[in-house]
Protein backbone atom coordinates (compact mmCIF):
# COMPACT_ATOMS: atom_id res chain seq x y z
CA MET A 1 167.63 104.28 39.47
CA LYS A 2 168.15 107.13 41.92
CA LYS A 3 170.32 106.54 44.97
CA LEU A 4 168.41 105.86 48.19
CA ALA A 5 168.34 108.66 50.75
CA LEU A 6 169.43 106.08 53.33
CA PHE A 7 172.76 105.87 51.50
CA GLY A 8 173.20 109.57 50.76
CA GLY A 9 170.77 110.15 47.91
CA THR A 10 168.03 112.79 47.67
CA PRO A 11 164.81 111.84 49.50
CA VAL A 12 161.56 111.57 47.58
CA ARG A 13 159.88 113.92 50.04
CA THR A 14 161.04 116.50 52.55
CA LYS A 15 157.78 118.26 53.44
CA PRO A 16 155.35 116.84 56.03
CA PHE A 17 152.07 115.14 55.24
CA PRO A 18 148.80 116.85 56.29
CA ASN A 19 148.44 117.63 59.99
CA TRP A 20 145.82 115.77 61.99
CA PRO A 21 143.46 116.78 63.50
CA THR A 22 142.61 119.59 61.08
CA VAL A 23 141.74 122.87 62.78
CA THR A 24 138.90 124.56 60.88
CA ASP A 25 137.05 127.85 61.39
CA GLU A 26 133.87 125.90 62.10
CA LEU A 27 135.62 123.92 64.81
CA LYS A 28 136.87 127.10 66.46
CA LYS A 29 133.40 128.69 66.31
CA GLN A 30 131.79 125.59 67.86
CA VAL A 31 134.20 125.58 70.80
CA ILE A 32 133.75 129.31 71.46
CA ASN A 33 129.98 128.99 71.22
CA THR A 34 130.03 126.19 73.80
CA MET A 35 132.19 128.22 76.17
CA GLU A 36 129.84 131.18 75.92
CA THR A 37 126.45 129.47 75.97
CA ASP A 38 126.66 125.96 77.45
CA SER A 39 127.59 124.03 80.56
CA LEU A 40 131.09 122.58 80.57
CA GLY A 41 129.93 119.19 81.78
CA VAL A 42 126.80 117.75 83.41
CA GLY A 43 123.67 119.10 81.73
CA SER A 44 125.46 120.19 78.54
CA ASN A 45 123.23 120.53 75.50
CA ILE A 46 126.27 120.12 73.23
CA ILE A 47 127.02 116.69 74.72
CA LYS A 48 123.41 115.68 74.17
CA GLN A 49 123.49 116.93 70.57
CA PHE A 50 126.68 115.04 69.85
CA GLU A 51 125.33 111.79 71.30
CA GLU A 52 122.15 112.07 69.25
CA LYS A 53 124.01 112.82 66.02
CA TYR A 54 126.65 110.15 66.57
CA ALA A 55 123.98 107.52 67.24
CA GLU A 56 122.23 108.52 64.02
CA PHE A 57 125.50 108.51 62.07
CA HIS A 58 126.29 104.99 63.28
CA ASP A 59 122.84 103.55 62.54
CA ALA A 60 122.13 103.11 66.26
CA LYS A 61 119.27 104.12 68.53
CA TYR A 62 121.46 105.19 71.44
CA CYS A 63 124.86 106.73 72.14
CA LEU A 64 126.61 107.46 75.44
CA SER A 65 129.79 109.55 75.37
CA THR A 66 132.64 108.64 77.72
CA SER A 67 136.02 109.98 78.81
CA SER A 68 137.98 107.52 76.62
CA GLY A 69 137.70 104.40 74.51
CA THR A 70 139.28 102.44 77.36
CA THR A 71 136.64 103.48 79.88
CA ALA A 72 133.98 102.78 77.26
CA ILE A 73 135.16 99.16 77.04
CA TRP A 74 135.13 98.73 80.82
CA VAL A 75 131.65 100.23 81.03
CA CYS A 76 130.38 97.93 78.27
CA LEU A 77 131.84 94.84 79.91
CA LYS A 78 130.23 95.65 83.25
CA ALA A 79 126.91 96.54 81.61
CA ALA A 80 127.04 93.22 79.72
CA GLY A 81 127.24 91.40 83.07
CA VAL A 82 130.94 90.54 83.15
CA LYS A 83 132.00 89.56 86.67
CA ALA A 84 135.22 88.40 88.32
CA GLY A 85 136.57 85.26 86.66
CA ASP A 86 134.48 85.56 83.49
CA GLU A 87 136.26 85.20 80.16
CA VAL A 88 136.26 87.73 77.33
CA ILE A 89 137.55 86.65 73.91
CA ILE A 90 139.67 89.14 71.97
CA PRO A 91 142.32 89.09 69.22
CA PRO A 92 145.98 89.44 70.29
CA TYR A 93 146.62 91.94 67.49
CA THR A 94 145.20 95.12 69.02
CA PHE A 95 145.95 98.07 71.29
CA ILE A 96 146.63 97.38 74.97
CA ALA A 97 143.29 98.89 76.11
CA THR A 98 141.37 95.99 74.58
CA GLY A 99 143.08 93.70 77.09
CA SER A 100 143.70 96.02 80.04
CA SER A 101 140.03 96.99 80.30
CA ILE A 102 139.18 93.30 80.72
CA LEU A 103 141.64 93.02 83.59
CA MET A 104 140.12 96.14 85.13
CA ALA A 105 136.76 94.34 85.06
CA ASN A 106 138.40 91.44 87.00
CA ALA A 107 137.87 89.21 83.97
CA ILE A 108 140.16 86.96 81.92
CA PRO A 109 141.37 87.87 78.41
CA VAL A 110 141.24 84.86 76.09
CA PHE A 111 142.98 85.23 72.75
CA VAL A 112 141.96 84.08 69.27
CA ASP A 113 144.48 84.48 66.46
CA VAL A 114 143.85 86.71 63.47
CA ASP A 115 143.31 86.27 59.75
CA PRO A 116 146.55 87.26 57.96
CA GLU A 117 144.62 88.74 55.03
CA THR A 118 142.61 91.20 57.16
CA PHE A 119 144.55 91.40 60.49
CA ASN A 120 141.17 90.76 62.21
CA MET A 121 139.97 88.02 64.58
CA ASP A 122 139.69 84.75 62.61
CA PRO A 123 136.15 83.37 63.07
CA ALA A 124 137.35 79.90 62.05
CA LYS A 125 139.38 79.76 65.28
CA LEU A 126 136.75 81.27 67.57
CA GLU A 127 134.68 78.31 68.76
CA ALA A 128 137.75 76.45 70.04
CA ALA A 129 138.31 79.29 72.53
CA ILE A 130 134.78 79.27 73.98
CA THR A 131 134.27 77.74 77.44
CA ASP A 132 131.49 77.78 80.01
CA LYS A 133 133.14 80.91 81.45
CA THR A 134 132.94 82.91 78.22
CA LYS A 135 130.71 85.93 78.78
CA VAL A 136 131.64 88.26 75.89
CA ILE A 137 133.28 88.05 72.47
CA MET A 138 134.95 91.36 71.63
CA PRO A 139 136.18 91.53 68.02
CA VAL A 140 138.30 94.52 66.99
CA HIS A 141 137.77 96.27 63.64
CA ILE A 142 141.48 96.79 63.27
CA ALA A 143 142.53 99.86 61.25
CA GLY A 144 138.82 100.47 60.65
CA ASN A 145 138.52 97.31 58.53
CA PRO A 146 135.30 95.49 59.55
CA VAL A 147 135.52 92.05 61.12
CA ASP A 148 133.46 89.21 59.64
CA MET A 149 130.49 90.12 61.83
CA ASP A 150 128.10 87.59 60.29
CA ALA A 151 130.31 84.69 61.31
CA ILE A 152 131.02 86.06 64.79
CA LEU A 153 127.40 86.90 65.55
CA GLN A 154 126.30 83.45 64.36
CA ILE A 155 128.78 81.71 66.67
CA ALA A 156 127.86 84.00 69.57
CA LYS A 157 124.16 83.29 69.10
CA LYS A 158 124.81 79.54 69.00
CA HIS A 159 126.57 79.72 72.38
CA ASN A 160 124.39 82.47 73.91
CA ILE A 161 127.35 84.86 74.27
CA LYS A 162 127.20 88.65 74.01
CA VAL A 163 129.18 90.55 71.40
CA ILE A 164 130.77 93.93 72.11
CA GLU A 165 132.53 95.54 69.13
CA ASP A 166 135.82 97.31 69.71
CA ALA A 167 135.35 99.88 66.95
CA ALA A 168 137.85 102.35 68.41
CA GLN A 169 139.43 102.81 64.96
CA ALA A 170 136.30 102.30 62.86
CA HIS A 171 134.37 105.58 62.66
CA GLY A 172 132.04 105.24 59.68
CA ALA A 173 133.10 101.70 58.75
CA GLU A 174 130.32 99.54 57.31
CA TRP A 175 129.41 95.88 57.33
CA ASP A 176 126.87 94.91 54.66
CA GLY A 177 125.92 98.57 54.18
CA LYS A 178 125.33 99.24 57.88
CA LYS A 179 127.68 101.10 60.21
CA VAL A 180 129.59 98.99 62.70
CA GLY A 181 129.20 99.41 66.47
CA ALA A 182 125.62 98.37 67.15
CA LEU A 183 125.66 95.11 65.18
CA GLY A 184 125.98 93.12 68.41
CA LEU A 185 124.88 94.17 71.87
CA GLY A 186 126.92 97.35 71.58
CA GLY A 187 130.22 98.81 70.53
CA ILE A 188 132.81 101.38 71.53
CA PHE A 189 134.68 104.15 69.74
CA SER A 190 137.72 106.23 70.67
CA PHE A 191 138.28 109.94 70.06
CA GLN A 192 141.94 109.95 71.10
CA THR A 193 144.23 112.34 69.20
CA SER A 194 145.15 110.04 66.31
CA LYS A 195 141.62 108.81 65.60
CA ASN A 196 139.66 109.79 62.49
CA LEU A 197 137.25 111.66 64.77
CA SER A 198 139.37 113.33 67.43
CA ALA A 199 138.91 115.34 70.62
CA GLY A 200 142.33 114.64 72.10
CA GLU A 201 140.66 112.14 74.42
CA GLY A 202 137.16 110.72 74.61
CA GLY A 203 135.02 107.76 73.69
CA ALA A 204 131.49 106.62 72.96
CA ILE A 205 129.24 103.57 73.24
CA VAL A 206 126.48 102.86 70.71
CA SER A 207 123.72 100.27 70.93
CA ASN A 208 120.13 99.45 70.00
CA ASP A 209 119.46 97.88 73.41
CA LYS A 210 117.89 100.29 75.92
CA ASP A 211 118.48 98.15 79.02
CA PHE A 212 122.13 97.73 78.12
CA MET A 213 122.53 101.48 77.59
CA ASP A 214 120.80 102.25 80.89
CA ALA A 215 123.36 100.01 82.59
CA CYS A 216 126.18 101.75 80.68
CA TYR A 217 124.86 105.10 81.93
CA SER A 218 125.12 103.88 85.51
CA TYR A 219 128.64 102.48 85.25
CA ALA A 220 129.87 105.64 83.48
CA ASN A 221 128.08 108.03 85.83
CA CYS A 222 129.16 107.17 89.38
CA GLY A 223 126.64 104.34 89.72
CA ARG A 224 123.59 106.58 89.29
CA VAL A 225 120.46 105.23 87.61
CA ARG A 226 118.32 107.03 85.06
CA GLY A 227 115.38 108.66 86.81
CA GLY A 228 116.96 108.24 90.24
CA GLU A 229 118.12 110.87 92.69
CA TRP A 230 121.43 112.64 91.94
CA TYR A 231 122.97 111.34 95.16
CA GLU A 232 121.61 107.82 94.70
CA HIS A 233 124.28 105.29 93.67
CA GLN A 234 123.33 101.70 92.97
CA TYR A 235 126.38 100.40 91.07
CA LEU A 236 130.14 100.54 91.50
CA GLY A 237 130.62 103.01 88.67
CA GLY A 238 133.12 105.75 87.94
CA ASN A 239 133.05 109.25 86.57
CA PHE A 240 133.73 108.45 82.93
CA ARG A 241 131.78 111.33 81.37
CA LEU A 242 132.87 113.38 78.37
CA ASN A 243 133.16 117.17 78.77
CA SER A 244 131.42 119.66 76.51
CA MET A 245 134.65 121.05 75.03
CA ALA A 246 135.47 117.61 73.64
CA ALA A 247 131.88 117.20 72.46
CA SER A 248 132.17 120.54 70.62
CA LEU A 249 135.26 119.36 68.75
CA LEU A 250 133.50 116.14 67.79
CA LEU A 251 130.25 117.80 66.76
CA ALA A 252 132.08 120.10 64.35
CA GLN A 253 134.09 117.21 62.87
CA LEU A 254 130.95 115.15 62.27
CA GLU A 255 130.10 117.72 59.60
CA THR A 256 133.31 116.99 57.69
CA LEU A 257 133.79 113.30 58.50
CA GLU A 258 132.07 112.02 55.36
CA LYS A 259 134.20 114.28 53.15
CA ASP A 260 137.35 113.06 54.91
CA MET A 261 136.23 109.45 54.48
CA ASP A 262 135.67 109.97 50.75
CA LEU A 263 139.19 111.38 50.42
CA ARG A 264 140.70 108.45 52.34
CA ASP A 265 138.73 106.01 50.15
CA LYS A 266 139.99 107.65 46.96
CA ASN A 267 143.61 107.81 48.08
CA ARG A 268 143.61 104.28 49.45
CA LYS A 269 142.43 103.04 46.06
CA LEU A 270 145.37 104.81 44.39
CA LEU A 271 147.81 103.24 46.85
CA ASP A 272 146.24 99.79 46.55
CA ASN A 273 146.43 99.87 42.76
CA ALA A 274 150.11 100.83 42.79
CA ILE A 275 151.40 98.78 45.71
CA SER A 276 149.59 95.61 44.62
CA GLN A 277 151.97 95.63 41.64
CA ILE A 278 155.03 95.38 43.91
CA ASP A 279 155.99 91.74 44.41
CA GLY A 280 156.67 91.26 48.13
CA LEU A 281 154.14 93.77 49.47
CA THR A 282 150.58 92.52 50.05
CA ILE A 283 147.70 94.93 50.53
CA THR A 284 145.12 94.22 53.24
CA GLU A 285 141.97 92.44 52.10
CA MET A 286 138.40 93.23 53.13
CA TYR A 287 135.71 90.60 53.59
CA PRO A 288 133.11 90.58 50.77
CA LYS A 289 130.40 92.02 53.06
CA ALA A 290 132.69 94.73 54.45
CA THR A 291 131.28 97.57 52.38
CA ARG A 292 133.52 100.31 53.76
CA SER A 293 136.70 100.65 55.79
CA ALA A 294 137.36 103.67 57.97
CA ASN A 295 140.99 103.57 56.76
CA HIS A 296 142.34 104.60 60.15
CA LEU A 297 145.62 102.91 59.23
CA TYR A 298 146.98 101.75 55.91
CA LEU A 299 148.27 98.22 56.53
CA LEU A 300 150.47 96.01 54.37
CA ARG A 301 152.37 92.75 54.71
CA TYR A 302 156.09 92.65 53.93
CA ASP A 303 157.72 89.44 52.62
CA LYS A 304 161.47 89.60 53.19
CA ASP A 305 162.01 86.54 50.98
CA LYS A 306 161.02 88.67 47.99
CA PHE A 307 163.63 91.27 48.97
CA ASN A 308 166.78 89.16 49.27
CA GLY A 309 166.05 88.39 52.93
CA ILE A 310 166.41 92.06 53.93
CA PRO A 311 164.63 92.43 57.28
CA ARG A 312 161.59 94.66 57.59
CA GLU A 313 163.37 97.07 59.94
CA LYS A 314 165.87 97.96 57.19
CA PHE A 315 162.93 98.59 54.86
CA PHE A 316 161.44 100.96 57.46
CA LYS A 317 164.68 102.92 57.75
CA ALA A 318 164.91 103.26 53.98
CA MET A 319 161.29 104.42 53.69
CA GLN A 320 161.66 106.88 56.56
CA ALA A 321 164.78 108.33 54.95
CA GLU A 322 162.71 108.96 51.81
CA GLY A 323 160.24 110.99 53.90
CA VAL A 324 157.47 108.40 54.27
CA TYR A 325 157.12 107.11 57.81
CA THR A 326 156.28 103.41 57.78
CA TYR A 327 156.61 101.40 60.98
CA ALA A 328 155.79 98.06 62.65
CA GLY A 329 152.85 98.87 64.92
CA TYR A 330 151.74 96.43 67.60
CA THR A 331 153.55 93.70 69.45
CA PRO A 332 151.50 90.59 70.40
CA LEU A 333 149.25 91.73 73.23
CA TYR A 334 150.09 88.74 75.45
CA ARG A 335 153.80 89.69 75.21
CA GLU A 336 153.22 93.03 76.96
CA ARG A 337 154.72 93.21 80.45
CA LEU A 338 151.21 93.84 81.78
CA PHE A 339 150.50 90.15 81.26
CA ALA A 340 153.45 89.00 83.36
CA VAL A 341 150.82 88.96 86.07
CA ASP A 342 151.26 89.08 89.82
CA SER A 343 148.92 86.51 91.35
CA GLU A 344 148.51 88.69 94.43
CA GLU A 345 147.21 91.55 92.31
CA TYR A 346 145.30 89.39 89.80
CA PRO A 347 144.22 86.27 91.73
CA TRP A 348 141.60 85.39 89.11
CA LEU A 349 144.45 84.86 86.59
CA GLU A 350 146.32 82.33 88.73
CA GLY A 351 147.57 79.46 86.61
CA ILE A 352 147.35 81.35 83.30
CA ASN A 353 150.79 81.76 81.71
CA TYR A 354 150.51 84.42 79.02
CA LYS A 355 154.25 84.64 78.35
CA ASP A 356 154.31 81.10 76.96
CA MET A 357 151.39 81.67 74.59
CA ASN A 358 152.06 81.72 70.86
CA PHE A 359 149.61 82.70 68.15
CA PRO A 360 151.55 82.17 64.91
CA VAL A 361 149.76 84.61 62.61
CA THR A 362 149.99 87.43 65.15
CA GLU A 363 153.64 86.58 65.90
CA LYS A 364 154.57 86.73 62.23
CA LEU A 365 152.68 89.97 61.61
CA CYS A 366 154.31 91.66 64.58
CA THR A 367 157.86 90.44 64.15
CA GLU A 368 158.24 90.22 60.36
CA GLU A 369 155.37 91.34 58.18
CA ALA A 370 153.12 94.22 59.30
CA VAL A 371 153.73 97.63 57.73
CA TRP A 372 151.79 100.63 59.02
CA LEU A 373 151.13 104.02 57.48
CA LYS A 374 149.13 106.55 59.52
CA GLN A 375 145.78 107.80 58.26
CA ASN A 376 146.91 111.41 57.74
CA HIS A 377 148.92 110.13 54.75
CA LEU A 378 145.56 109.43 53.07
CA LEU A 379 144.36 113.02 53.49
CA GLY A 380 146.75 114.60 51.02
CA THR A 381 146.60 115.48 47.34
CA LYS A 382 147.25 113.19 44.42
CA ASP A 383 150.82 114.53 44.41
CA ASP A 384 151.20 113.47 48.06
CA ILE A 385 150.00 109.98 47.20
CA ASN A 386 152.36 109.84 44.24
CA ASP A 387 155.25 110.64 46.60
CA ILE A 388 154.25 107.69 48.80
CA ILE A 389 154.04 105.41 45.77
CA MET A 390 157.40 106.66 44.46
CA ALA A 391 159.04 106.00 47.83
CA PHE A 392 157.67 102.44 47.95
CA LYS A 393 158.85 101.77 44.40
CA LYS A 394 162.26 103.35 44.91
CA VAL A 395 163.00 101.44 48.12
CA THR A 396 161.67 98.05 47.01
CA THR A 397 163.46 98.25 43.66
CA ALA A 398 166.72 98.98 45.45
CA MET A 399 166.22 96.07 47.84
CA LYS A 400 165.73 93.71 44.94
CA ASN A 401 168.70 95.01 42.92
CA ASP A 402 171.29 96.40 45.34
CA LEU A 403 171.63 93.82 48.10
CA GLU A 404 175.26 94.77 48.74
CA LEU A 405 174.27 98.25 49.91
CA PHE A 406 171.91 96.82 52.52
CA LEU A 407 174.54 94.41 53.81
CA LYS A 408 177.05 97.12 54.66
């Protein structure tokens, strides 16, 4: 067996993986065309075209673009009727915006632990978190892997609670053959730099409910109402509009998104087949009715007991030395300093002690098990994927056979 790069050997890979986002000639032409022929903001035909095409792509009647995924969540919560003191149920294994947007709506984040096989909100634990203050359930399609939407929608219907999907990472993901986002009342997407559809920043809301989308329009557009006067403001909204330059980038990428998704699907299958043979690494499962993942992240679980008790962080260092950047990802959301709340700033959270909360599956994923690989690793050639597989095999074999090296 070859010596690990961590201990002075030759790394499996020294060249970078594909850049993301990919700059194409079509993308450049679209941006220049917008600059020369369209408005940069309000009244832009390019923004309208993007919203229409994105709604169609995501099997929805309506789409509203926004300045970010975070603002899209806030807008959705307000449009869904969330008021001060209402509760919104989310998983604790997610990006900070899922929780911070709830605080910005003067509402209370309530956490439900995740399923270790999928990293998604566990529907079996959902009903126990519902109270008479619950206004919205907001599942997150983590890494683009669809949540069990049938179970969540059934529970929500039973309790007359609205469902907003956090699909920030789930462009093109499918549940039972239908794109996620508009399966509940509505859903949000992010176009931040790392996302599979990227404009640097930006977001979108999709829905099949016209009244809900009219309310979203108002909260994202300075409180204006459709059909009203330009200087008529009926809601406490913000300016959360997307600009036409960002819409141009997105419109061009919509033309290549399906091709990129096919490549990620193919490469993920190669990785799954190889890594599932490594005892101690567990590939992420999909629910039977999850017909497609967006593969925004490639997630695994690491079992240190299968590797002589070597902690995950040592595994990361060994993989990174081989030229494949694996890392831990999220910390439990309720452990973020944001949730060490000041009762003077957040009076509606008085009496809630987030720092003493403990959700065991999330804790174990964050502190011991979760392994992340960014989506650009899935956009390479078969040789690129073989390098990833070789690095995983080289490092895990060494951890099983050369414990003394890792103890130095």
